[in-house]
Amino acid sequence: MVDSLNTSDYDDYNDSVAIPSQSPVIYEMYKVKTGFRYMYVFVYSATILLGLLLNCALIFMTVKCRSKKKRSKQMLILGLAVTHLVFCLFTPLYLITAWNNFSWTFGNVVCKLGSYVMFMNMFSVSLMITFWNVCWCVPGSFEHHMSTNMVLLSWFTGAILSAPSLLSRQVQYTADGHVCLDNYDYTERSQISEEGRVRMMAVVICRFIFGLLLPLGVRCVSCCCMNSRGNNQVRSQVIRPVTIAHFLCWAPVVCLSVLQVTVRTGSSLFTYALPPATALSVLNSCISPIICIWQEKKELKRNSCSQPERTPQMEDNKEEGEEMTCLRH
C-alpha cells in the first residue's frame, strides 16, 4: 500500500553514514520519512477504530431496518459497507509495518493479498456507485430484481481488475530492509525496463478508467436523465456524497500514479505528494459509512416529521370506522 515510499533512493549511500546527523541530505530524508511514518500510523489507527466500528454499525442498521420498497438502495449500501469492512480488516498489517519503519515482516503471500484487497475495494466501490446511478434510469421492477446481482457483479469484476496486484506485488530487499512494493521488471540499477513500463502503464490506466472515469461519467449522465425527467433529488442524497467522497479520496493517488508513469524523469512531487494521497485513499473506508449513516438518519427524521401526529380524535374515528365495517359484514 505504501508504493510511494520506494526506498531505493537510499542505496547510493554507504553504511558508514547511517547516522542521519552526519549528512544533511540523509537527515532531511530521515525527517521526511519519519513524518510519513507518523502520518500512516495515525491514518491506519483511525481506519481500524472508525472503519471497523462504523461499517459494522451500518451493516447492522441496514439488515435490521430492511424494507421491500428500498431494497435496491439498502443492498447497495450493504455491499459498500461489507467491501469497506473487508479492507479495514487488513489495515492492522500496514499499521504494524508503518510502526516498524515500513519493514515488511508478513511474507510474500500476504504482501500480494494486501495490495489485492486494497484495489479490489476501489474497483468494487466504483462499480457499485456506477450501478447505483444506472438504477435511476431504469424501471423500478428492473432495479428491484437486479440489486443483489449488481453487488455480486461488482465484487466479481473488482476481483478480476485487481489481479495485477497478485502478479507484480512482492517483497523486495532495500536499504531499509524488506519492503512490500510493486515490481514491473526492474533492471539491476532499479530502472524499470520498457516492457515493464508498458505493463505498469496498462495497470495504471485501467485503475484510472474503472476507478475514476466510469463512476464520474455515469453520474453525470444519470443527473442529466433525472433533470430531463423532472424527477426530485431525494434519491441522490446518499449516492451523491458517496460518489464525491470516492472521487476525492482516490483521484489524487490514481492521477499521481498516471503522471508518475508518463513522466520519465524523477520528481520530488511524487516523493512528497504520493504518501499523503495514499493515506487519503485509505480514509475513504471511514468517510463512506459516515455519509451513509448520516443520510439514513436524516431520511428517518424527515419521514417521521412528514407523518401527521395521531390525536385521540383520530384514534376514536378509526375505532368507529372499524366497528361500522364489522356491523356491515
Protein backbone atom coordinates (compact mmCIF):
# COMPACT_ATOMS: atom_id res chain seq x y z
CA MET A 1 0.00 0.00 0.00
CA VAL A 2 2.90 2.32 0.62
CA ASP A 3 4.02 2.22 -3.01
CA SER A 4 5.23 5.80 -2.87
CA LEU A 5 7.84 5.07 -0.22
CA ASN A 6 10.29 3.42 -2.56
CA THR A 7 13.47 3.34 -0.53
CA SER A 8 15.79 2.61 -3.44
CA ASP A 9 16.97 6.24 -3.18
CA TYR A 10 18.92 5.27 -0.08
CA ASP A 11 21.01 2.66 -1.89
CA ASP A 12 23.54 5.22 -3.12
CA TYR A 13 24.82 5.92 0.39
CA ASN A 14 27.41 3.90 2.23
CA ASP A 15 26.68 2.17 5.52
CA SER A 16 29.29 4.35 7.19
CA VAL A 17 26.91 7.34 7.07
CA ALA A 18 23.97 5.56 8.64
CA ILE A 19 23.60 8.20 11.37
CA PRO A 20 21.32 10.94 9.97
CA SER A 21 23.21 13.79 11.64
CA GLN A 22 26.37 13.01 9.63
CA SER A 23 24.84 14.11 6.33
CA PRO A 24 22.34 16.96 5.74
CA VAL A 25 20.80 15.14 2.78
CA ILE A 26 20.24 11.91 4.67
CA TYR A 27 19.00 13.83 7.70
CA GLU A 28 16.40 15.64 5.57
CA MET A 29 15.25 12.36 4.06
CA TYR A 30 15.13 10.85 7.53
CA LYS A 31 12.84 13.63 8.78
CA VAL A 32 10.54 13.27 5.78
CA LYS A 33 10.29 9.53 6.22
CA THR A 34 9.62 9.93 9.95
CA GLY A 35 6.78 12.37 9.21
CA PHE A 36 5.26 9.94 6.72
CA ARG A 37 5.61 7.17 9.28
CA TYR A 38 3.60 9.06 11.91
CA MET A 39 1.02 10.06 9.28
CA TYR A 40 0.46 6.45 8.24
CA VAL A 41 0.25 5.28 11.86
CA PHE A 42 -2.45 7.86 12.55
CA VAL A 43 -4.41 7.08 9.37
CA TYR A 44 -4.30 3.31 9.85
CA SER A 45 -5.27 3.64 13.51
CA ALA A 46 -8.27 5.80 12.59
CA THR A 47 -9.24 3.34 9.87
CA ILE A 48 -9.11 0.41 12.27
CA LEU A 49 -11.11 2.13 15.01
CA LEU A 50 -13.65 4.08 12.96
CA GLY A 51 -13.77 1.87 9.88
CA LEU A 52 -14.50 -1.36 11.72
CA LEU A 53 -16.99 0.26 14.11
CA LEU A 54 -18.92 2.35 11.56
CA ASN A 55 -19.09 -0.30 8.85
CA CYS A 56 -20.30 -2.92 11.33
CA ALA A 57 -22.91 -0.45 12.61
CA LEU A 58 -24.02 0.32 9.06
CA ILE A 59 -24.38 -3.39 8.25
CA PHE A 60 -26.44 -3.89 11.42
CA MET A 61 -28.68 -0.90 10.65
CA THR A 62 -29.23 -1.98 7.05
CA VAL A 63 -30.12 -5.57 7.94
CA LYS A 64 -32.34 -4.58 10.86
CA CYS A 65 -34.25 -1.82 9.05
CA ARG A 66 -34.64 -3.56 5.70
CA SER A 67 -37.64 -2.61 3.60
CA LYS A 68 -39.00 -4.06 0.37
CA LYS A 69 -39.63 -0.60 -1.06
CA LYS A 70 -35.96 0.38 -0.67
CA ARG A 71 -34.36 -2.97 -1.34
CA SER A 72 -32.07 -1.74 -4.12
CA LYS A 73 -30.71 1.14 -2.07
CA GLN A 74 -30.23 -1.00 1.03
CA MET A 75 -28.47 -3.79 -0.85
CA LEU A 76 -26.01 -1.37 -2.41
CA ILE A 77 -25.34 0.31 0.95
CA LEU A 78 -24.82 -3.14 2.46
CA GLY A 79 -22.41 -4.02 -0.35
CA LEU A 80 -20.42 -0.84 0.23
CA ALA A 81 -20.21 -1.50 3.98
CA VAL A 82 -19.07 -5.11 3.53
CA THR A 83 -16.43 -4.06 0.96
CA HIS A 84 -15.02 -1.37 3.24
CA LEU A 85 -15.13 -3.72 6.24
CA VAL A 86 -13.02 -6.36 4.46
CA PHE A 87 -10.44 -3.72 3.60
CA CYS A 88 -10.37 -2.45 7.20
CA LEU A 89 -9.56 -5.97 8.40
CA PHE A 90 -6.23 -5.78 6.52
CA THR A 91 -5.17 -2.37 7.82
CA PRO A 92 -3.55 -3.76 11.04
CA LEU A 93 -0.87 -5.31 8.81
CA TYR A 94 0.05 -1.91 7.41
CA LEU A 95 -0.18 -0.26 10.81
CA ILE A 96 2.42 -2.67 12.17
CA THR A 97 4.56 -2.18 9.07
CA ALA A 98 4.49 1.62 9.39
CA TRP A 99 5.31 1.37 13.09
CA ASN A 100 8.32 -0.84 12.22
CA ASN A 101 9.72 1.80 9.83
CA PHE A 102 7.99 0.22 6.80
CA SER A 103 9.77 -3.09 7.23
CA TRP A 104 7.51 -5.85 5.93
CA THR A 105 7.51 -9.00 8.07
CA PHE A 106 4.42 -10.87 6.88
CA GLY A 107 5.77 -12.71 3.85
CA ASN A 108 5.25 -12.51 0.12
CA VAL A 109 1.76 -14.02 0.03
CA VAL A 110 0.27 -11.52 2.48
CA CYS A 111 2.05 -8.72 0.61
CA LYS A 112 0.24 -9.65 -2.60
CA LEU A 113 -3.07 -10.22 -0.84
CA GLY A 114 -3.00 -6.86 0.95
CA SER A 115 -2.50 -4.89 -2.26
CA TYR A 116 -5.10 -7.05 -3.99
CA VAL A 117 -7.74 -6.27 -1.33
CA MET A 118 -6.93 -2.55 -1.48
CA PHE A 119 -7.56 -2.22 -5.21
CA MET A 120 -10.47 -4.63 -5.13
CA ASN A 121 -12.01 -2.23 -2.63
CA MET A 122 -11.50 0.65 -5.05
CA PHE A 123 -12.87 -1.17 -8.11
CA SER A 124 -15.83 -2.74 -6.28
CA VAL A 125 -16.95 0.56 -4.73
CA SER A 126 -16.54 2.30 -8.08
CA LEU A 127 -18.72 -0.28 -9.84
CA MET A 128 -21.37 -0.20 -7.10
CA ILE A 129 -21.58 3.57 -7.45
CA THR A 130 -21.88 3.13 -11.22
CA PHE A 131 -24.70 0.59 -10.92
CA TRP A 132 -26.41 2.74 -8.30
CA ASN A 133 -26.52 5.66 -10.72
CA VAL A 134 -27.68 3.38 -13.54
CA CYS A 135 -30.65 2.31 -11.38
CA TRP A 136 -32.02 5.83 -11.68
CA CYS A 137 -32.53 5.44 -15.41
CA VAL A 138 -34.30 2.05 -15.41
CA PRO A 139 -37.82 0.98 -14.38
CA GLY A 140 -38.43 0.18 -10.73
CA SER A 141 -39.03 -3.51 -11.35
CA PHE A 142 -35.65 -3.92 -13.03
CA GLU A 143 -33.98 -2.04 -10.21
CA HIS A 144 -35.70 -4.24 -7.60
CA HIS A 145 -34.63 -7.56 -9.12
CA MET A 146 -31.07 -6.56 -10.04
CA SER A 147 -29.90 -5.01 -6.76
CA THR A 148 -28.29 -8.18 -5.37
CA ASN A 149 -26.83 -9.15 -8.73
CA MET A 150 -25.25 -5.70 -9.09
CA VAL A 151 -23.39 -6.11 -5.80
CA LEU A 152 -22.18 -9.59 -6.74
CA LEU A 153 -21.16 -8.43 -10.21
CA SER A 154 -19.22 -5.52 -8.68
CA TRP A 155 -17.27 -7.88 -6.43
CA PHE A 156 -16.59 -10.31 -9.28
CA THR A 157 -15.42 -7.60 -11.69
CA GLY A 158 -13.35 -5.91 -8.98
CA ALA A 159 -11.63 -9.22 -8.24
CA ILE A 160 -10.65 -9.57 -11.91
CA LEU A 161 -9.45 -5.97 -12.32
CA SER A 162 -7.30 -6.28 -9.17
CA ALA A 163 -5.49 -9.40 -10.41
CA PRO A 164 -2.30 -7.50 -11.48
CA SER A 165 -1.51 -6.94 -7.81
CA LEU A 166 -1.11 -10.68 -7.38
CA LEU A 167 1.49 -10.70 -10.15
CA SER A 168 3.51 -7.52 -9.62
CA ARG A 169 3.45 -7.13 -5.85
CA GLN A 170 6.32 -8.75 -3.98
CA VAL A 171 8.66 -8.33 -1.03
CA GLN A 172 11.90 -6.62 -2.04
CA TYR A 173 15.08 -6.11 -0.04
CA THR A 174 16.20 -2.47 0.17
CA ALA A 175 18.43 -0.35 2.40
CA ASP A 176 15.58 -0.24 4.93
CA GLY A 177 15.06 -3.99 4.97
CA HIS A 178 12.25 -5.99 3.38
CA VAL A 179 9.59 -3.74 1.81
CA CYS A 180 6.34 -4.68 0.07
CA LEU A 181 6.46 -2.96 -3.35
CA ASP A 182 5.37 -3.40 -6.95
CA ASN A 183 7.89 -4.89 -9.37
CA TYR A 184 7.14 -4.47 -13.08
CA ASP A 185 10.50 -5.85 -14.28
CA TYR A 186 13.27 -3.64 -12.89
CA THR A 187 16.88 -3.78 -14.06
CA GLU A 188 19.96 -4.01 -11.86
CA ARG A 189 20.12 -0.21 -11.32
CA SER A 190 16.49 0.00 -10.15
CA GLN A 191 15.37 1.38 -13.50
CA ILE A 192 12.19 -0.03 -15.00
CA SER A 193 12.53 -1.63 -18.42
CA GLU A 194 10.44 -0.65 -21.42
CA GLU A 195 8.39 -3.84 -21.20
CA GLY A 196 7.81 -3.23 -17.51
CA ARG A 197 6.80 0.36 -18.21
CA VAL A 198 4.19 -0.84 -20.71
CA ARG A 199 2.74 -3.26 -18.14
CA MET A 200 2.70 -0.57 -15.47
CA MET A 201 1.04 1.87 -17.88
CA ALA A 202 -1.72 -0.66 -18.65
CA VAL A 203 -2.39 -1.28 -14.94
CA VAL A 204 -2.46 2.43 -14.05
CA ILE A 205 -4.72 3.36 -16.99
CA CYS A 206 -7.10 0.55 -16.01
CA ARG A 207 -7.30 1.93 -12.48
CA PHE A 208 -7.86 5.43 -13.83
CA ILE A 209 -10.69 4.39 -16.18
CA PHE A 210 -12.60 1.94 -13.97
CA GLY A 211 -11.77 3.60 -10.67
CA LEU A 212 -12.50 7.25 -11.53
CA LEU A 213 -13.79 7.96 -15.03
CA LEU A 214 -16.50 5.30 -15.09
CA PRO A 215 -18.42 6.32 -11.92
CA LEU A 216 -17.93 10.03 -12.67
CA GLY A 217 -19.17 9.73 -16.25
CA VAL A 218 -22.19 7.61 -15.34
CA ARG A 219 -23.00 10.03 -12.53
CA CYS A 220 -23.09 12.95 -14.99
CA VAL A 221 -25.31 11.01 -17.40
CA SER A 222 -27.71 9.95 -14.64
CA CYS A 223 -28.00 13.54 -13.41
CA CYS A 224 -28.90 14.67 -16.92
CA CYS A 225 -31.53 11.93 -17.19
CA MET A 226 -33.02 12.84 -13.82
CA ASN A 227 -33.20 16.54 -14.72
CA SER A 228 -34.80 15.83 -18.09
CA ARG A 229 -37.44 13.66 -16.45
CA GLY A 230 -38.15 16.34 -13.90
CA ASN A 231 -37.66 13.94 -11.00
CA ASN A 232 -36.75 15.11 -7.50
CA GLN A 233 -33.35 14.74 -5.89
CA VAL A 234 -34.41 12.78 -2.82
CA ARG A 235 -32.80 9.59 -4.05
CA SER A 236 -29.47 11.33 -4.65
CA GLN A 237 -28.95 12.39 -1.04
CA VAL A 238 -26.86 9.29 -0.33
CA ILE A 239 -25.27 8.39 -3.65
CA ARG A 240 -24.19 11.93 -4.50
CA PRO A 241 -21.95 12.47 -1.41
CA VAL A 242 -20.70 8.87 -1.63
CA THR A 243 -19.65 9.46 -5.25
CA ILE A 244 -17.96 12.75 -4.37
CA ALA A 245 -16.12 11.17 -1.42
CA HIS A 246 -14.92 8.25 -3.56
CA PHE A 247 -13.64 10.60 -6.25
CA LEU A 248 -11.91 13.00 -3.84
CA CYS A 249 -10.24 10.18 -1.91
CA TRP A 250 -8.99 8.16 -4.87
CA ALA A 251 -8.37 10.83 -7.53
CA PRO A 252 -5.08 12.17 -6.05
CA VAL A 253 -3.28 8.82 -5.78
CA VAL A 254 -4.57 7.50 -9.12
CA CYS A 255 -3.80 10.71 -11.03
CA LEU A 256 -0.33 10.95 -9.46
CA SER A 257 0.31 7.35 -10.48
CA VAL A 258 -0.62 8.20 -14.06
CA LEU A 259 1.76 11.17 -14.01
CA GLN A 260 4.49 9.05 -12.50
CA VAL A 261 4.22 6.60 -15.38
CA THR A 262 4.01 9.20 -18.14
CA VAL A 263 6.80 11.43 -16.76
CA ARG A 264 10.02 9.50 -17.25
CA THR A 265 12.20 11.81 -15.16
CA GLY A 266 12.04 11.62 -11.39
CA SER A 267 10.44 14.46 -9.49
CA SER A 268 10.22 15.46 -5.85
CA LEU A 269 6.46 15.91 -6.39
CA PHE A 270 5.94 12.15 -6.26
CA THR A 271 8.17 11.75 -3.21
CA TYR A 272 6.22 14.27 -1.15
CA ALA A 273 2.72 14.00 -2.67
CA LEU A 274 2.14 10.28 -3.12
CA PRO A 275 2.25 9.28 0.59
CA PRO A 276 -0.48 11.79 1.66
CA ALA A 277 -2.52 10.81 -1.40
CA THR A 278 -2.26 7.13 -0.46
CA ALA A 279 -3.29 7.91 3.12
CA LEU A 280 -6.30 9.86 1.82
CA SER A 281 -7.46 6.86 -0.22
CA VAL A 282 -7.36 4.71 2.92
CA LEU A 283 -9.66 7.13 4.75
CA ASN A 284 -12.42 6.50 2.20
CA SER A 285 -13.36 3.38 4.17
CA CYS A 286 -14.20 5.65 7.13
CA ILE A 287 -15.82 8.53 5.23
CA SER A 288 -18.27 6.41 3.23
CA PRO A 289 -20.04 4.78 6.24
CA ILE A 290 -20.23 8.18 7.97
CA ILE A 291 -22.08 9.58 4.94
CA CYS A 292 -24.46 6.61 4.71
CA ILE A 293 -25.32 6.63 8.43
CA TRP A 294 -25.78 10.40 8.50
CA GLN A 295 -28.04 10.44 5.45
CA GLU A 296 -30.07 7.48 6.68
CA LYS A 297 -30.72 9.23 9.97
CA LYS A 298 -31.76 12.39 8.13
CA GLU A 299 -34.17 10.39 6.00
CA LEU A 300 -35.70 8.68 9.04
CA LYS A 301 -36.11 12.03 10.74
CA ARG A 302 -37.68 13.54 7.62
CA ASN A 303 -40.12 10.64 7.29
CA SER A 304 -41.12 10.88 10.95
CA CYS A 305 -41.73 14.62 10.62
CA SER A 306 -43.81 14.20 7.46
CA GLN A 307 -46.24 11.79 9.14
CA PRO A 308 -49.19 13.57 10.81
CA GLU A 309 -49.37 13.38 14.56
CA ARG A 310 -52.06 10.97 15.76
CA THR A 311 -54.60 12.63 18.06
CA PRO A 312 -57.18 10.95 20.35
CA GLN A 313 -59.95 12.11 17.99
CA MET A 314 -58.27 10.34 15.08
CA GLU A 315 -57.98 7.16 17.14
CA ASP A 316 -61.70 7.35 18.03
CA ASN A 317 -62.67 7.85 14.38
CA LYS A 318 -60.53 4.87 13.42
CA GLU A 319 -62.24 2.65 16.02
CA GLU A 320 -65.70 3.81 14.91
CA GLY A 321 -64.83 3.02 11.30
CA GLU A 322 -63.70 -0.47 12.23
CA GLU A 323 -66.93 -1.08 14.21
CA MET A 324 -69.10 0.06 11.27
CA THR A 325 -67.18 -2.26 8.96
CA CYS A 326 -67.80 -5.20 11.28
CA LEU A 327 -71.55 -4.40 11.55
CA ARG A 328 -71.91 -4.26 7.75
CA HIS A 329 -70.38 -7.72 7.39
